[in-house]
Amino acid sequence: MMYCNGMLMMAFMTIPAILLIVTVLLGLVWLVRSTGVLTARGRPDTVSQTPEAELLLRRRYAAGEIDDEEYQRRLAALRGQPSAPT
């Protein structure tokens, strides 16, 4: 009878400990995901902080569709900065 009570007490001590560990781990995962610190690949998320229009402008500049002067002028307009008259 004593053996059964010991096993029962051990189960009552182990289950809350496992639940506590799982809860802490889930809380950490939620915290990291909600802050947006990491992307799916584990690198800092910098691309999503750039507005979509700037990304499109960057792609057009990289593809050679617009020259440096046009890129700088449009980038300044997107960011709300006054551009120098040409």
PDB file of N, CA and C in Angstrom:
ATOM      1  N   MET A   1       0.811  -1.182   0.000  1.00  0.00           N
ATOM      2  CA  MET A   1       0.000   0.000   0.000  1.00  0.00           C
ATOM      3  C   MET A   1       0.869   1.266   0.000  1.00  0.00           C
ATOM      4  N   MET A   2       1.973   1.234   0.682  1.00  0.00           N
ATOM      5  CA  MET A   2       2.857   2.380   0.759  1.00  0.00           C
ATOM      6  C   MET A   2       3.453   2.702  -0.612  1.00  0.00           C
ATOM      7  N   TYR A   3       3.767   1.672  -1.385  1.00  0.00           N
ATOM      8  CA  TYR A   3       4.344   1.874  -2.711  1.00  0.00           C
ATOM      9  C   TYR A   3       3.360   2.606  -3.615  1.00  0.00           C
ATOM     10  N   CYS A   4       2.139   2.258  -3.546  1.00  0.00           N
ATOM     11  CA  CYS A   4       1.110   2.898  -4.377  1.00  0.00           C
ATOM     12  C   CYS A   4       0.972   4.373  -4.023  1.00  0.00           C
ATOM     13  N   ASN A   5       0.997   4.705  -2.741  1.00  0.00           N
ATOM     14  CA  ASN A   5       0.883   6.104  -2.328  1.00  0.00           C
ATOM     15  C   ASN A   5       2.094   6.910  -2.762  1.00  0.00           C
ATOM     16  N   GLY A   6       3.271   6.308  -2.753  1.00  0.00           N
ATOM     17  CA  GLY A   6       4.481   6.996  -3.188  1.00  0.00           C
ATOM     18  C   GLY A   6       4.434   7.301  -4.671  1.00  0.00           C
ATOM     19  N   MET A   7       3.952   6.371  -5.461  1.00  0.00           N
ATOM     20  CA  MET A   7       3.848   6.582  -6.895  1.00  0.00           C
ATOM     21  C   MET A   7       2.804   7.655  -7.206  1.00  0.00           C
ATOM     22  N   LEU A   8       1.730   7.635  -6.446  1.00  0.00           N
ATOM     23  CA  LEU A   8       0.673   8.620  -6.654  1.00  0.00           C
ATOM     24  C   LEU A   8       1.172  10.025  -6.315  1.00  0.00           C
ATOM     25  N   MET A   9       1.930  10.133  -5.248  1.00  0.00           N
ATOM     26  CA  MET A   9       2.462  11.430  -4.859  1.00  0.00           C
ATOM     27  C   MET A   9       3.483  11.918  -5.890  1.00  0.00           C
ATOM     28  N   MET A  10       4.277  11.015  -6.410  1.00  0.00           N
ATOM     29  CA  MET A  10       5.258  11.392  -7.423  1.00  0.00           C
ATOM     30  C   MET A  10       4.553  11.889  -8.685  1.00  0.00           C
ATOM     31  N   ALA A  11       3.451  11.265  -9.060  1.00  0.00           N
ATOM     32  CA  ALA A  11       2.691  11.703 -10.224  1.00  0.00           C
ATOM     33  C   ALA A  11       2.102  13.083  -9.980  1.00  0.00           C
ATOM     34  N   PHE A  12       1.620  13.329  -8.783  1.00  0.00           N
ATOM     35  CA  PHE A  12       1.045  14.635  -8.471  1.00  0.00           C
ATOM     36  C   PHE A  12       2.097  15.745  -8.448  1.00  0.00           C
ATOM     37  N   MET A  13       3.350  15.394  -8.206  1.00  0.00           N
ATOM     38  CA  MET A  13       4.418  16.388  -8.217  1.00  0.00           C
ATOM     39  C   MET A  13       4.980  16.586  -9.632  1.00  0.00           C
ATOM     40  N   THR A  14       4.976  15.534 -10.439  1.00  0.00           N
ATOM     41  CA  THR A  14       5.567  15.599 -11.768  1.00  0.00           C
ATOM     42  C   THR A  14       4.663  16.329 -12.759  1.00  0.00           C
ATOM     43  N   ILE A  15       3.390  16.075 -12.715  1.00  0.00           N
ATOM     44  CA  ILE A  15       2.457  16.678 -13.671  1.00  0.00           C
ATOM     45  C   ILE A  15       2.465  18.201 -13.591  1.00  0.00           C
ATOM     46  N   PRO A  16       2.372  18.823 -12.421  1.00  0.00           N
ATOM     47  CA  PRO A  16       2.444  20.295 -12.382  1.00  0.00           C
ATOM     48  C   PRO A  16       3.797  20.841 -12.854  1.00  0.00           C
ATOM     49  N   ALA A  17       4.873  20.114 -12.583  1.00  0.00           N
ATOM     50  CA  ALA A  17       6.188  20.571 -13.035  1.00  0.00           C
ATOM     51  C   ALA A  17       6.259  20.561 -14.557  1.00  0.00           C
ATOM     52  N   ILE A  18       5.752  19.528 -15.181  1.00  0.00           N
ATOM     53  CA  ILE A  18       5.738  19.451 -16.648  1.00  0.00           C
ATOM     54  C   ILE A  18       4.850  20.547 -17.220  1.00  0.00           C
ATOM     55  N   LEU A  19       3.696  20.758 -16.628  1.00  0.00           N
ATOM     56  CA  LEU A  19       2.801  21.815 -17.094  1.00  0.00           C
ATOM     57  C   LEU A  19       3.442  23.193 -16.955  1.00  0.00           C
ATOM     58  N   LEU A  20       4.181  23.414 -15.890  1.00  0.00           N
ATOM     59  CA  LEU A  20       4.865  24.688 -15.700  1.00  0.00           C
ATOM     60  C   LEU A  20       5.932  24.896 -16.768  1.00  0.00           C
ATOM     61  N   ILE A  21       6.709  23.879 -17.062  1.00  0.00           N
ATOM     62  CA  ILE A  21       7.749  23.981 -18.082  1.00  0.00           C
ATOM     63  C   ILE A  21       7.131  24.256 -19.452  1.00  0.00           C
ATOM     64  N   VAL A  22       6.077  23.541 -19.793  1.00  0.00           N
ATOM     65  CA  VAL A  22       5.408  23.733 -21.077  1.00  0.00           C
ATOM     66  C   VAL A  22       4.830  25.139 -21.173  1.00  0.00           C
ATOM     67  N   THR A  23       4.239  25.630 -20.104  1.00  0.00           N
ATOM     68  CA  THR A  23       3.664  26.969 -20.093  1.00  0.00           C
ATOM     69  C   THR A  23       4.738  28.033 -20.288  1.00  0.00           C
ATOM     70  N   VAL A  24       5.863  27.880 -19.618  1.00  0.00           N
ATOM     71  CA  VAL A  24       6.958  28.841 -19.767  1.00  0.00           C
ATOM     72  C   VAL A  24       7.494  28.826 -21.195  1.00  0.00           C
ATOM     73  N   LEU A  25       7.675  27.647 -21.767  1.00  0.00           N
ATOM     74  CA  LEU A  25       8.175  27.546 -23.141  1.00  0.00           C
ATOM     75  C   LEU A  25       7.193  28.161 -24.140  1.00  0.00           C
ATOM     76  N   LEU A  26       5.913  27.880 -23.984  1.00  0.00           N
ATOM     77  CA  LEU A  26       4.915  28.470 -24.873  1.00  0.00           C
ATOM     78  C   LEU A  26       4.874  29.989 -24.723  1.00  0.00           C
ATOM     79  N   GLY A  27       5.045  30.477 -23.522  1.00  0.00           N
ATOM     80  CA  GLY A  27       5.086  31.920 -23.292  1.00  0.00           C
ATOM     81  C   GLY A  27       6.271  32.574 -23.984  1.00  0.00           C
ATOM     82  N   LEU A  28       7.421  31.924 -23.935  1.00  0.00           N
ATOM     83  CA  LEU A  28       8.600  32.451 -24.620  1.00  0.00           C
ATOM     84  C   LEU A  28       8.414  32.463 -26.132  1.00  0.00           C
ATOM     85  N   VAL A  29       7.847  31.402 -26.680  1.00  0.00           N
ATOM     86  CA  VAL A  29       7.589  31.342 -28.120  1.00  0.00           C
ATOM     87  C   VAL A  29       6.619  32.447 -28.515  1.00  0.00           C
ATOM     88  N   TRP A  30       5.568  32.628 -27.752  1.00  0.00           N
ATOM     89  CA  TRP A  30       4.597  33.682 -28.045  1.00  0.00           C
ATOM     90  C   TRP A  30       5.250  35.062 -27.983  1.00  0.00           C
ATOM     91  N   LEU A  31       6.102  35.291 -26.988  1.00  0.00           N
ATOM     92  CA  LEU A  31       6.761  36.577 -26.824  1.00  0.00           C
ATOM     93  C   LEU A  31       7.661  36.891 -28.015  1.00  0.00           C
ATOM     94  N   VAL A  32       8.437  35.930 -28.460  1.00  0.00           N
ATOM     95  CA  VAL A  32       9.342  36.145 -29.593  1.00  0.00           C
ATOM     96  C   VAL A  32       8.546  36.390 -30.868  1.00  0.00           C
ATOM     97  N   ARG A  33       7.490  35.642 -31.077  1.00  0.00           N
ATOM     98  CA  ARG A  33       6.683  35.822 -32.290  1.00  0.00           C
ATOM     99  C   ARG A  33       5.906  37.125 -32.278  1.00  0.00           C
ATOM    100  N   SER A  34       5.402  37.539 -31.144  1.00  0.00           N
ATOM    101  CA  SER A  34       4.580  38.749 -31.088  1.00  0.00           C
ATOM    102  C   SER A  34       5.411  40.012 -31.222  1.00  0.00           C
ATOM    103  N   THR A  35       6.664  39.977 -30.823  1.00  0.00           N
ATOM    104  CA  THR A  35       7.508  41.160 -30.957  1.00  0.00           C
ATOM    105  C   THR A  35       8.035  41.320 -32.368  1.00  0.00           C
ATOM    106  N   GLY A  36       7.989  40.268 -33.175  1.00  0.00           N
ATOM    107  CA  GLY A  36       8.440  40.352 -34.557  1.00  0.00           C
ATOM    108  C   GLY A  36       9.937  40.509 -34.687  1.00  0.00           C
ATOM    109  N   VAL A  37      10.676  40.034 -33.718  1.00  0.00           N
ATOM    110  CA  VAL A  37      12.127  40.174 -33.739  1.00  0.00           C
ATOM    111  C   VAL A  37      12.755  39.304 -34.817  1.00  0.00           C
ATOM    112  N   LEU A  38      12.242  38.133 -35.002  1.00  0.00           N
ATOM    113  CA  LEU A  38      12.819  37.208 -35.963  1.00  0.00           C
ATOM    114  C   LEU A  38      11.820  36.856 -37.054  1.00  0.00           C
ATOM    115  N   THR A  39      12.348  36.592 -38.236  1.00  0.00           N
ATOM    116  CA  THR A  39      11.506  36.110 -39.320  1.00  0.00           C
ATOM    117  C   THR A  39      11.499  34.598 -39.285  1.00  0.00           C
ATOM    118  N   ALA A  40      10.874  33.987 -40.260  1.00  0.00           N
ATOM    119  CA  ALA A  40      10.800  32.534 -40.312  1.00  0.00           C
ATOM    120  C   ALA A  40      12.180  31.911 -40.488  1.00  0.00           C
ATOM    121  N   ARG A  41      13.102  32.645 -41.088  1.00  0.00           N
ATOM    122  CA  ARG A  41      14.441  32.104 -41.303  1.00  0.00           C
ATOM    123  C   ARG A  41      15.366  32.375 -40.137  1.00  0.00           C
ATOM    124  N   GLY A  42      14.902  33.066 -39.129  1.00  0.00           N
ATOM    125  CA  GLY A  42      15.727  33.319 -37.962  1.00  0.00           C
ATOM    126  C   GLY A  42      16.617  34.550 -38.084  1.00  0.00           C
ATOM    127  N   ARG A  43      16.392  35.379 -39.083  1.00  0.00           N
ATOM    128  CA  ARG A  43      17.168  36.601 -39.242  1.00  0.00           C
ATOM    129  C   ARG A  43      16.312  37.801 -38.860  1.00  0.00           C
ATOM    130  N   PRO A  44      16.944  38.893 -38.472  1.00  0.00           N
ATOM    131  CA  PRO A  44      16.152  40.083 -38.146  1.00  0.00           C
ATOM    132  C   PRO A  44      15.282  40.508 -39.322  1.00  0.00           C
ATOM    133  N   ASP A  45      14.092  40.964 -39.003  1.00  0.00           N
ATOM    134  CA  ASP A  45      13.116  41.346 -40.023  1.00  0.00           C
ATOM    135  C   ASP A  45      13.337  42.805 -40.411  1.00  0.00           C
ATOM    136  N   THR A  46      14.018  43.034 -41.549  1.00  0.00           N
ATOM    137  CA  THR A  46      14.270  44.396 -42.000  1.00  0.00           C
ATOM    138  C   THR A  46      13.465  44.733 -43.240  1.00  0.00           C
ATOM    139  N   VAL A  47      13.153  43.751 -44.042  1.00  0.00           N
ATOM    140  CA  VAL A  47      12.450  44.016 -45.296  1.00  0.00           C
ATOM    141  C   VAL A  47      11.032  44.480 -45.035  1.00  0.00           C
ATOM    142  N   SER A  48      10.361  43.896 -44.069  1.00  0.00           N
ATOM    143  CA  SER A  48       8.970  44.252 -43.831  1.00  0.00           C
ATOM    144  C   SER A  48       8.824  45.656 -43.250  1.00  0.00           C
ATOM    145  N   GLN A  49       9.927  46.249 -42.754  1.00  0.00           N
ATOM    146  CA  GLN A  49       9.861  47.603 -42.226  1.00  0.00           C
ATOM    147  C   GLN A  49       9.951  48.643 -43.338  1.00  0.00           C
ATOM    148  N   THR A  50      10.346  48.229 -44.534  1.00  0.00           N
ATOM    149  CA  THR A  50      10.439  49.142 -45.663  1.00  0.00           C
ATOM    150  C   THR A  50       9.097  49.179 -46.379  1.00  0.00           C
ATOM    151  N   PRO A  51       8.564  50.369 -46.624  1.00  0.00           N
ATOM    152  CA  PRO A  51       7.276  50.457 -47.319  1.00  0.00           C
ATOM    153  C   PRO A  51       7.332  49.798 -48.702  1.00  0.00           C
ATOM    154  N   GLU A  52       6.199  49.308 -49.119  1.00  0.00           N
ATOM    155  CA  GLU A  52       6.095  48.579 -50.392  1.00  0.00           C
ATOM    156  C   GLU A  52       6.510  49.448 -51.582  1.00  0.00           C
ATOM    157  N   ALA A  53       6.163  50.720 -51.554  1.00  0.00           N
ATOM    158  CA  ALA A  53       6.514  51.610 -52.666  1.00  0.00           C
ATOM    159  C   ALA A  53       8.025  51.759 -52.801  1.00  0.00           C
ATOM    160  N   GLU A  54       8.728  51.832 -51.663  1.00  0.00           N
ATOM    161  CA  GLU A  54      10.183  51.936 -51.716  1.00  0.00           C
ATOM    162  C   GLU A  54      10.806  50.650 -52.259  1.00  0.00           C
ATOM    163  N   LEU A  55      10.236  49.514 -51.899  1.00  0.00           N
ATOM    164  CA  LEU A  55      10.746  48.248 -52.430  1.00  0.00           C
ATOM    165  C   LEU A  55      10.565  48.177 -53.944  1.00  0.00           C
ATOM    166  N   LEU A  56       9.421  48.620 -54.419  1.00  0.00           N
ATOM    167  CA  LEU A  56       9.176  48.632 -55.857  1.00  0.00           C
ATOM    168  C   LEU A  56      10.144  49.585 -56.558  1.00  0.00           C
ATOM    169  N   LEU A  57      10.366  50.742 -55.965  1.00  0.00           N
ATOM    170  CA  LEU A  57      11.303  51.704 -56.539  1.00  0.00           C
ATOM    171  C   LEU A  57      12.717  51.125 -56.569  1.00  0.00           C
ATOM    172  N   ARG A  58      13.095  50.451 -55.502  1.00  0.00           N
ATOM    173  CA  ARG A  58      14.413  49.815 -55.440  1.00  0.00           C
ATOM    174  C   ARG A  58      14.579  48.761 -56.534  1.00  0.00           C
ATOM    175  N   ARG A  59      13.529  47.975 -56.739  1.00  0.00           N
ATOM    176  CA  ARG A  59      13.586  46.939 -57.784  1.00  0.00           C
ATOM    177  C   ARG A  59      13.722  47.562 -59.175  1.00  0.00           C
ATOM    178  N   ARG A  60      12.980  48.630 -59.429  1.00  0.00           N
ATOM    179  CA  ARG A  60      13.064  49.290 -60.739  1.00  0.00           C
ATOM    180  C   ARG A  60      14.451  49.887 -60.958  1.00  0.00           C
ATOM    181  N   TYR A  61      15.039  50.446 -59.913  1.00  0.00           N
ATOM    182  CA  TYR A  61      16.387  51.009 -60.015  1.00  0.00           C
ATOM    183  C   TYR A  61      17.408  49.902 -60.270  1.00  0.00           C
ATOM    184  N   ALA A  62      17.276  48.789 -59.557  1.00  0.00           N
ATOM    185  CA  ALA A  62      18.196  47.662 -59.731  1.00  0.00           C
ATOM    186  C   ALA A  62      18.071  47.054 -61.126  1.00  0.00           C
ATOM    187  N   ALA A  63      16.872  47.071 -61.686  1.00  0.00           N
ATOM    188  CA  ALA A  63      16.661  46.503 -63.018  1.00  0.00           C
ATOM    189  C   ALA A  63      17.095  47.466 -64.120  1.00  0.00           C
ATOM    190  N   GLY A  64      17.435  48.707 -63.762  1.00  0.00           N
ATOM    191  CA  GLY A  64      17.891  49.672 -64.752  1.00  0.00           C
ATOM    192  C   GLY A  64      16.764  50.409 -65.449  1.00  0.00           C
ATOM    193  N   GLU A  65      15.555  50.308 -64.923  1.00  0.00           N
ATOM    194  CA  GLU A  65      14.417  50.992 -65.540  1.00  0.00           C
ATOM    195  C   GLU A  65      14.459  52.500 -65.298  1.00  0.00           C
ATOM    196  N   ILE A  66      15.071  52.911 -64.186  1.00  0.00           N
ATOM    197  CA  ILE A  66      15.209  54.342 -63.890  1.00  0.00           C
ATOM    198  C   ILE A  66      16.665  54.622 -63.549  1.00  0.00           C
ATOM    199  N   ASP A  67      17.103  55.864 -63.781  1.00  0.00           N
ATOM    200  CA  ASP A  67      18.497  56.209 -63.489  1.00  0.00           C
ATOM    201  C   ASP A  67      18.627  56.704 -62.051  1.00  0.00           C
ATOM    202  N   ASP A  68      19.857  57.043 -61.676  1.00  0.00           N
ATOM    203  CA  ASP A  68      20.145  57.436 -60.302  1.00  0.00           C
ATOM    204  C   ASP A  68      19.383  58.701 -59.904  1.00  0.00           C
ATOM    205  N   GLU A  69      19.347  59.676 -60.784  1.00  0.00           N
ATOM    206  CA  GLU A  69      18.660  60.932 -60.487  1.00  0.00           C
ATOM    207  C   GLU A  69      17.163  60.708 -60.259  1.00  0.00           C
ATOM    208  N   GLU A  70      16.553  59.913 -61.115  1.00  0.00           N
ATOM    209  CA  GLU A  70      15.122  59.610 -60.980  1.00  0.00           C
ATOM    210  C   GLU A  70      14.852  58.838 -59.684  1.00  0.00           C
ATOM    211  N   TYR A  71      15.736  57.900 -59.372  1.00  0.00           N
ATOM    212  CA  TYR A  71      15.593  57.121 -58.132  1.00  0.00           C
ATOM    213  C   TYR A  71      15.634  58.044 -56.915  1.00  0.00           C
ATOM    214  N   GLN A  72      16.640  58.920 -56.853  1.00  0.00           N
ATOM    215  CA  GLN A  72      16.773  59.828 -55.707  1.00  0.00           C
ATOM    216  C   GLN A  72      15.576  60.773 -55.604  1.00  0.00           C
ATOM    217  N   ARG A  73      15.098  61.259 -56.724  1.00  0.00           N
ATOM    218  CA  ARG A  73      13.964  62.183 -56.717  1.00  0.00           C
ATOM    219  C   ARG A  73      12.699  61.493 -56.215  1.00  0.00           C
ATOM    220  N   ARG A  74      12.442  60.302 -56.716  1.00  0.00           N
ATOM    221  CA  ARG A  74      11.236  59.574 -56.290  1.00  0.00           C
ATOM    222  C   ARG A  74      11.331  59.098 -54.847  1.00  0.00           C
ATOM    223  N   LEU A  75      12.529  58.698 -54.435  1.00  0.00           N
ATOM    224  CA  LEU A  75      12.716  58.270 -53.048  1.00  0.00           C
ATOM    225  C   LEU A  75      12.465  59.427 -52.088  1.00  0.00           C
ATOM    226  N   ALA A  76      12.956  60.612 -52.443  1.00  0.00           N
ATOM    227  CA  ALA A  76      12.712  61.789 -51.610  1.00  0.00           C
ATOM    228  C   ALA A  76      11.223  62.117 -51.566  1.00  0.00           C
ATOM    229  N   ALA A  77      10.543  61.964 -52.689  1.00  0.00           N
ATOM    230  CA  ALA A  77       9.100  62.231 -52.721  1.00  0.00           C
ATOM    231  C   ALA A  77       8.333  61.231 -51.860  1.00  0.00           C
ATOM    232  N   LEU A  78       8.748  59.970 -51.884  1.00  0.00           N
ATOM    233  CA  LEU A  78       8.077  58.955 -51.064  1.00  0.00           C
ATOM    234  C   LEU A  78       8.267  59.216 -49.576  1.00  0.00           C
ATOM    235  N   ARG A  79       9.443  59.683 -49.221  1.00  0.00           N
ATOM    236  CA  ARG A  79       9.740  59.918 -47.811  1.00  0.00           C
ATOM    237  C   ARG A  79       9.282  61.293 -47.337  1.00  0.00           C
ATOM    238  N   GLY A  80       8.723  62.086 -48.259  1.00  0.00           N
ATOM    239  CA  GLY A  80       8.219  63.402 -47.880  1.00  0.00           C
ATOM    240  C   GLY A  80       9.288  64.452 -47.729  1.00  0.00           C
ATOM    241  N   GLN A  81      10.457  64.213 -48.307  1.00  0.00           N
ATOM    242  CA  GLN A  81      11.546  65.180 -48.230  1.00  0.00           C
ATOM    243  C   GLN A  81      11.511  66.052 -49.489  1.00  0.00           C
ATOM    244  N   PRO A  82      11.845  67.325 -49.336  1.00  0.00           N
ATOM    245  CA  PRO A  82      11.885  68.189 -50.522  1.00  0.00           C
ATOM    246  C   PRO A  82      13.049  67.769 -51.420  1.00  0.00           C
ATOM    247  N   SER A  83      12.791  67.720 -52.691  1.00  0.00           N
ATOM    248  CA  SER A  83      13.848  67.358 -53.636  1.00  0.00           C
ATOM    249  C   SER A  83      14.374  68.617 -54.287  1.00  0.00           C
ATOM    250  N   ALA A  84      15.647  68.594 -54.633  1.00  0.00           N
ATOM    251  CA  ALA A  84      16.271  69.749 -55.277  1.00  0.00           C
ATOM    252  C   ALA A  84      15.735  69.883 -56.698  1.00  0.00           C
ATOM    253  N   PRO A  85      15.434  71.083 -57.147  1.00  0.00           N
ATOM    254  CA  PRO A  85      14.936  71.247 -58.520  1.00  0.00           C
ATOM    255  C   PRO A  85      16.031  70.900 -59.535  1.00  0.00           C
ATOM    256  N   THR A  86      15.614  70.259 -60.615  1.00  0.00           N
ATOM    257  CA  THR A  86      16.583  69.863 -61.634  1.00  0.00           C
ATOM    258  C   THR A  86      16.509  70.750 -62.838  1.00  0.00           C
TER     259      THR A  86
END
